[in-house]
Amino acid sequence: MLAVRGVYDGKRFRVLPSEALPVVDREIPVIITFLEDLPLADYQREQEIEIAKWMRATRETMKPLGMNTKDLVEEGRERCSPSSDEKG
């Protein structure tokens, strides 16, 4: 049996730089063991809740815009569109 320590970033596994890799000249079966048991769904949910709390707190510190979203969009369109005088 051979053990190699590594890290998993959610997409791929990487061997720790200090680990010596064995020389392999054929395919070998692999068993991956996670030493820390974190239910991913629970962890992600906690992270989402923390992010939502932070976003709400940040939003509360902002001043009101003074107009609704539709008016903001229309004003943005008016600023970006060329005036009828420039079309010629």
N, C-alpha and C. Protein backbone atom coordinates (compact mmCIF):
# COMPACT_ATOMS: atom_id res chain seq x y z
N MET A 1 0.85 -1.18 0.00
CA MET A 1 0.00 0.00 0.00
C MET A 1 0.89 1.23 0.00
N LEU A 2 0.42 2.24 -0.70
CA LEU A 2 1.17 3.48 -0.83
C LEU A 2 0.23 4.63 -0.52
N ALA A 3 0.68 5.61 0.22
CA ALA A 3 -0.13 6.78 0.55
C ALA A 3 0.57 8.03 0.04
N VAL A 4 -0.19 8.89 -0.60
CA VAL A 4 0.32 10.17 -1.09
C VAL A 4 -0.65 11.24 -0.64
N ARG A 5 -0.15 12.24 0.05
CA ARG A 5 -1.02 13.33 0.50
C ARG A 5 -1.16 14.38 -0.59
N GLY A 6 -2.34 14.97 -0.66
CA GLY A 6 -2.59 15.98 -1.66
C GLY A 6 -3.73 16.88 -1.25
N VAL A 7 -4.09 17.79 -2.14
CA VAL A 7 -5.20 18.71 -1.90
C VAL A 7 -6.18 18.59 -3.05
N TYR A 8 -7.45 18.85 -2.75
CA TYR A 8 -8.51 18.83 -3.74
C TYR A 8 -9.15 20.20 -3.76
N ASP A 9 -9.17 20.86 -4.92
CA ASP A 9 -9.70 22.21 -5.02
C ASP A 9 -11.13 22.26 -5.56
N GLY A 10 -11.78 21.11 -5.59
CA GLY A 10 -13.15 21.05 -6.10
C GLY A 10 -13.21 20.58 -7.55
N LYS A 11 -12.08 20.61 -8.23
CA LYS A 11 -12.03 20.17 -9.62
C LYS A 11 -11.00 19.06 -9.84
N ARG A 12 -9.85 19.22 -9.22
CA ARG A 12 -8.79 18.22 -9.42
C ARG A 12 -7.97 18.03 -8.16
N PHE A 13 -7.28 16.93 -8.13
CA PHE A 13 -6.40 16.61 -7.02
C PHE A 13 -4.98 17.01 -7.40
N ARG A 14 -4.26 17.55 -6.41
CA ARG A 14 -2.85 17.87 -6.62
C ARG A 14 -2.05 17.32 -5.45
N VAL A 15 -0.92 16.77 -5.76
CA VAL A 15 -0.04 16.22 -4.73
C VAL A 15 0.65 17.37 -4.02
N LEU A 16 0.80 17.27 -2.70
CA LEU A 16 1.54 18.29 -1.96
C LEU A 16 2.98 18.33 -2.45
N PRO A 17 3.58 19.52 -2.51
CA PRO A 17 4.95 19.64 -3.04
C PRO A 17 5.97 18.79 -2.28
N SER A 18 5.74 18.56 -1.01
CA SER A 18 6.70 17.80 -0.21
C SER A 18 6.57 16.29 -0.37
N GLU A 19 5.54 15.84 -1.10
CA GLU A 19 5.31 14.40 -1.26
C GLU A 19 6.12 13.84 -2.42
N ALA A 20 6.77 12.73 -2.15
CA ALA A 20 7.49 12.03 -3.21
C ALA A 20 6.51 11.13 -3.95
N LEU A 21 6.48 11.23 -5.25
CA LEU A 21 5.57 10.41 -6.04
C LEU A 21 6.25 9.10 -6.44
N PRO A 22 5.52 8.01 -6.38
CA PRO A 22 6.11 6.75 -6.80
C PRO A 22 6.20 6.67 -8.32
N VAL A 23 7.12 5.91 -8.81
CA VAL A 23 7.23 5.68 -10.25
C VAL A 23 6.20 4.61 -10.61
N VAL A 24 5.34 4.93 -11.55
CA VAL A 24 4.28 4.00 -11.95
C VAL A 24 4.41 3.73 -13.43
N ASP A 25 4.49 2.46 -13.79
CA ASP A 25 4.62 2.12 -15.20
C ASP A 25 3.36 1.43 -15.74
N ARG A 26 2.31 1.43 -14.95
CA ARG A 26 1.05 0.84 -15.39
C ARG A 26 -0.08 1.50 -14.61
N GLU A 27 -1.32 1.25 -15.03
CA GLU A 27 -2.46 1.79 -14.29
C GLU A 27 -2.61 1.03 -12.98
N ILE A 28 -2.95 1.78 -11.95
CA ILE A 28 -3.15 1.15 -10.65
C ILE A 28 -4.46 1.65 -10.06
N PRO A 29 -5.15 0.83 -9.28
CA PRO A 29 -6.38 1.29 -8.64
C PRO A 29 -6.04 2.31 -7.55
N VAL A 30 -6.94 3.25 -7.35
CA VAL A 30 -6.70 4.32 -6.39
C VAL A 30 -7.90 4.43 -5.46
N ILE A 31 -7.62 4.64 -4.19
CA ILE A 31 -8.66 4.92 -3.19
C ILE A 31 -8.36 6.31 -2.64
N ILE A 32 -9.35 7.19 -2.70
CA ILE A 32 -9.18 8.55 -2.20
C ILE A 32 -9.91 8.65 -0.88
N THR A 33 -9.19 9.12 0.14
CA THR A 33 -9.77 9.25 1.48
C THR A 33 -9.72 10.71 1.89
N PHE A 34 -10.86 11.26 2.26
CA PHE A 34 -10.92 12.61 2.78
C PHE A 34 -10.81 12.54 4.29
N LEU A 35 -9.80 13.18 4.84
CA LEU A 35 -9.57 13.10 6.28
C LEU A 35 -10.51 14.01 7.06
N GLU A 36 -10.92 15.10 6.48
CA GLU A 36 -11.82 16.02 7.16
C GLU A 36 -13.21 15.81 6.61
N ASP A 37 -14.15 15.49 7.47
CA ASP A 37 -15.50 15.19 7.02
C ASP A 37 -16.36 16.45 7.11
N LEU A 38 -16.49 17.15 5.98
CA LEU A 38 -17.33 18.33 5.89
C LEU A 38 -18.44 18.05 4.89
N PRO A 39 -19.66 17.95 5.36
CA PRO A 39 -20.75 17.79 4.38
C PRO A 39 -20.77 19.02 3.48
N LEU A 40 -20.50 18.81 2.21
CA LEU A 40 -20.35 19.92 1.28
C LEU A 40 -21.61 20.77 1.19
N ALA A 41 -22.76 20.16 1.15
CA ALA A 41 -24.00 20.92 1.02
C ALA A 41 -24.20 21.83 2.23
N ASP A 42 -23.93 21.32 3.43
CA ASP A 42 -24.08 22.14 4.64
C ASP A 42 -23.08 23.29 4.63
N TYR A 43 -21.84 23.01 4.25
CA TYR A 43 -20.81 24.04 4.22
C TYR A 43 -21.16 25.12 3.21
N GLN A 44 -21.60 24.71 2.01
CA GLN A 44 -21.97 25.68 0.99
C GLN A 44 -23.15 26.53 1.46
N ARG A 45 -24.11 25.90 2.11
CA ARG A 45 -25.28 26.64 2.60
C ARG A 45 -24.86 27.68 3.63
N GLU A 46 -23.97 27.30 4.54
CA GLU A 46 -23.47 28.25 5.53
C GLU A 46 -22.77 29.42 4.86
N GLN A 47 -21.97 29.13 3.84
CA GLN A 47 -21.28 30.19 3.11
C GLN A 47 -22.27 31.12 2.42
N GLU A 48 -23.30 30.55 1.80
CA GLU A 48 -24.31 31.37 1.13
C GLU A 48 -25.03 32.27 2.11
N ILE A 49 -25.34 31.74 3.29
CA ILE A 49 -26.01 32.55 4.32
C ILE A 49 -25.12 33.69 4.77
N GLU A 50 -23.83 33.41 4.99
CA GLU A 50 -22.90 34.46 5.41
C GLU A 50 -22.76 35.54 4.33
N ILE A 51 -22.69 35.12 3.07
CA ILE A 51 -22.59 36.08 1.98
C ILE A 51 -23.85 36.94 1.89
N ALA A 52 -25.01 36.32 2.04
CA ALA A 52 -26.28 37.06 2.00
C ALA A 52 -26.35 38.07 3.14
N LYS A 53 -25.91 37.67 4.33
CA LYS A 53 -25.89 38.61 5.47
C LYS A 53 -24.98 39.79 5.17
N TRP A 54 -23.81 39.50 4.61
CA TRP A 54 -22.87 40.57 4.29
C TRP A 54 -23.46 41.51 3.24
N MET A 55 -24.10 40.94 2.21
CA MET A 55 -24.69 41.77 1.16
C MET A 55 -25.80 42.66 1.71
N ARG A 56 -26.64 42.09 2.58
CA ARG A 56 -27.72 42.90 3.18
C ARG A 56 -27.15 44.02 4.04
N ALA A 57 -26.14 43.71 4.84
CA ALA A 57 -25.53 44.73 5.69
C ALA A 57 -24.89 45.83 4.85
N THR A 58 -24.24 45.44 3.77
CA THR A 58 -23.63 46.42 2.88
C THR A 58 -24.69 47.29 2.22
N ARG A 59 -25.78 46.66 1.78
CA ARG A 59 -26.88 47.40 1.14
C ARG A 59 -27.48 48.42 2.11
N GLU A 60 -27.60 48.05 3.37
CA GLU A 60 -28.18 48.96 4.36
C GLU A 60 -27.33 50.20 4.57
N THR A 61 -26.03 50.11 4.30
CA THR A 61 -25.16 51.27 4.50
C THR A 61 -25.18 52.23 3.31
N MET A 62 -25.78 51.81 2.19
CA MET A 62 -25.81 52.64 0.98
C MET A 62 -26.96 53.64 1.02
N LYS A 63 -26.74 54.77 0.41
CA LYS A 63 -27.79 55.78 0.30
C LYS A 63 -28.78 55.35 -0.77
N PRO A 64 -30.05 55.72 -0.63
CA PRO A 64 -31.04 55.39 -1.66
C PRO A 64 -30.67 56.06 -2.99
N LEU A 65 -31.03 55.43 -4.09
CA LEU A 65 -30.69 55.95 -5.40
C LEU A 65 -31.53 57.15 -5.80
N GLY A 66 -32.73 57.26 -5.29
CA GLY A 66 -33.56 58.41 -5.63
C GLY A 66 -34.49 58.17 -6.81
N MET A 67 -34.40 57.03 -7.45
CA MET A 67 -35.32 56.68 -8.53
C MET A 67 -35.39 55.16 -8.64
N ASN A 68 -36.44 54.70 -9.30
CA ASN A 68 -36.60 53.25 -9.42
C ASN A 68 -35.71 52.69 -10.53
N THR A 69 -35.64 51.38 -10.60
CA THR A 69 -34.75 50.71 -11.56
C THR A 69 -35.11 51.04 -13.00
N LYS A 70 -36.40 51.07 -13.31
CA LYS A 70 -36.83 51.36 -14.68
C LYS A 70 -36.34 52.73 -15.12
N ASP A 71 -36.47 53.73 -14.24
CA ASP A 71 -36.01 55.07 -14.58
C ASP A 71 -34.49 55.13 -14.74
N LEU A 72 -33.77 54.37 -13.92
CA LEU A 72 -32.32 54.32 -14.05
C LEU A 72 -31.91 53.74 -15.40
N VAL A 73 -32.59 52.67 -15.82
CA VAL A 73 -32.29 52.05 -17.10
C VAL A 73 -32.56 53.02 -18.24
N GLU A 74 -33.71 53.67 -18.20
CA GLU A 74 -34.06 54.63 -19.25
C GLU A 74 -33.06 55.77 -19.31
N GLU A 75 -32.65 56.27 -18.15
CA GLU A 75 -31.68 57.36 -18.12
C GLU A 75 -30.35 56.89 -18.71
N GLY A 76 -29.97 55.66 -18.42
CA GLY A 76 -28.73 55.11 -18.99
C GLY A 76 -28.81 54.99 -20.49
N ARG A 77 -29.97 54.59 -20.98
CA ARG A 77 -30.15 54.48 -22.43
C ARG A 77 -30.04 55.84 -23.10
N GLU A 78 -30.64 56.83 -22.47
CA GLU A 78 -30.60 58.18 -23.03
C GLU A 78 -29.18 58.72 -23.08
N ARG A 79 -28.39 58.40 -22.07
CA ARG A 79 -27.00 58.87 -22.05
C ARG A 79 -26.16 58.18 -23.13
N CYS A 80 -26.44 56.91 -23.39
CA CYS A 80 -25.63 56.14 -24.32
C CYS A 80 -26.03 56.31 -25.77
N SER A 81 -27.29 56.63 -26.02
CA SER A 81 -27.75 56.72 -27.41
C SER A 81 -27.36 58.08 -27.99
N PRO A 82 -26.98 58.08 -29.28
CA PRO A 82 -26.64 59.35 -29.92
C PRO A 82 -27.89 60.21 -30.07
N SER A 83 -27.74 61.51 -29.92
CA SER A 83 -28.90 62.40 -30.04
C SER A 83 -29.31 62.51 -31.50
N SER A 84 -30.51 62.99 -31.75
CA SER A 84 -31.01 63.10 -33.13
C SER A 84 -30.21 64.13 -33.93
N ASP A 85 -29.59 65.11 -33.25
CA ASP A 85 -28.78 66.12 -33.95
C ASP A 85 -27.53 65.50 -34.54
N GLU A 86 -26.94 64.51 -33.84
CA GLU A 86 -25.70 63.90 -34.30
C GLU A 86 -25.93 62.94 -35.45
N LYS A 87 -27.15 62.38 -35.58
CA LYS A 87 -27.43 61.43 -36.64
C LYS A 87 -27.40 62.08 -38.01
N GLY A 88 -27.84 63.33 -38.08
CA GLY A 88 -27.79 64.14 -39.28
C GLY A 88 -28.46 63.59 -40.39
